[in-house]
Amino acid sequence: MPKMKSYRSLLCGKGKHVRHVEVRTAADIDPAAFAALIVQVAGEG
């Protein structure tokens, strides 16, 4: 699995196959960073 870029440190965890994004409040969401992360993940399918 290729190493993913962690857009603005959105990804949490150290797993090779599964990582997660912590969202505690709506203010934690950066739409542009989330979109870039989704595009990257979708391209790996």
C-alpha atoms as a PDB file:
ATOM      1  CA  MET A   1       0.000   0.000   0.000  1.00  0.00           C
ATOM      2  CA  PRO A   2       1.485   3.381  -0.967  1.00  0.00           C
ATOM      3  CA  LYS A   3       2.100   5.879   1.779  1.00  0.00           C
ATOM      4  CA  MET A   4      -0.719   8.438   1.949  1.00  0.00           C
ATOM      5  CA  LYS A   5      -0.166  12.129   2.401  1.00  0.00           C
ATOM      6  CA  SER A   6      -1.668  13.256   5.696  1.00  0.00           C
ATOM      7  CA  TYR A   7      -3.501  16.386   4.648  1.00  0.00           C
ATOM      8  CA  ARG A   8      -2.983  18.857   7.472  1.00  0.00           C
ATOM      9  CA  SER A   9      -2.503  15.954   9.834  1.00  0.00           C
ATOM     10  CA  LEU A  10      -6.077  14.741   9.352  1.00  0.00           C
ATOM     11  CA  LEU A  11      -5.189  11.076   9.512  1.00  0.00           C
ATOM     12  CA  CYS A  12      -4.789   9.506  12.927  1.00  0.00           C
ATOM     13  CA  GLY A  13      -3.312   6.161  13.783  1.00  0.00           C
ATOM     14  CA  LYS A  14      -0.269   4.233  12.696  1.00  0.00           C
ATOM     15  CA  GLY A  15      -1.886   1.337  10.857  1.00  0.00           C
ATOM     16  CA  LYS A  16      -0.694   0.259   7.429  1.00  0.00           C
ATOM     17  CA  HIS A  17      -4.213  -0.509   6.174  1.00  0.00           C
ATOM     18  CA  VAL A  18      -6.619   1.541   8.285  1.00  0.00           C
ATOM     19  CA  ARG A  19      -6.424   5.106   9.526  1.00  0.00           C
ATOM     20  CA  HIS A  20      -9.156   7.415  10.769  1.00  0.00           C
ATOM     21  CA  VAL A  21     -10.071  11.080  10.895  1.00  0.00           C
ATOM     22  CA  GLU A  22     -11.161  12.522  14.224  1.00  0.00           C
ATOM     23  CA  VAL A  23     -13.934  15.106  14.066  1.00  0.00           C
ATOM     24  CA  ARG A  24     -15.045  16.419  17.428  1.00  0.00           C
ATOM     25  CA  THR A  25     -16.850  19.587  16.300  1.00  0.00           C
ATOM     26  CA  ALA A  26     -18.048  21.034  13.005  1.00  0.00           C
ATOM     27  CA  ALA A  27     -15.215  23.565  13.259  1.00  0.00           C
ATOM     28  CA  ASP A  28     -12.734  20.665  12.938  1.00  0.00           C
ATOM     29  CA  ILE A  29     -13.845  20.065   9.347  1.00  0.00           C
ATOM     30  CA  ASP A  30     -11.731  21.630   6.611  1.00  0.00           C
ATOM     31  CA  PRO A  31     -13.765  20.929   3.433  1.00  0.00           C
ATOM     32  CA  ALA A  32     -10.819  21.366   1.067  1.00  0.00           C
ATOM     33  CA  ALA A  33      -8.547  19.049   3.075  1.00  0.00           C
ATOM     34  CA  PHE A  34     -11.293  16.416   3.418  1.00  0.00           C
ATOM     35  CA  ALA A  35     -11.994  16.581  -0.324  1.00  0.00           C
ATOM     36  CA  ALA A  36      -8.299  16.127  -1.167  1.00  0.00           C
ATOM     37  CA  LEU A  37      -8.109  13.135   1.146  1.00  0.00           C
ATOM     38  CA  ILE A  38     -11.221  11.530  -0.406  1.00  0.00           C
ATOM     39  CA  VAL A  39      -9.872  12.061  -3.934  1.00  0.00           C
ATOM     40  CA  GLN A  40      -6.572  10.428  -2.978  1.00  0.00           C
ATOM     41  CA  VAL A  41      -8.271   7.426  -1.357  1.00  0.00           C
ATOM     42  CA  ALA A  42     -10.729   6.959  -4.251  1.00  0.00           C
ATOM     43  CA  GLY A  43      -7.837   6.883  -6.695  1.00  0.00           C
ATOM     44  CA  GLU A  44      -6.242   3.935  -4.903  1.00  0.00           C
ATOM     45  CA  GLY A  45      -9.280   1.645  -5.389  1.00  0.00           C
END
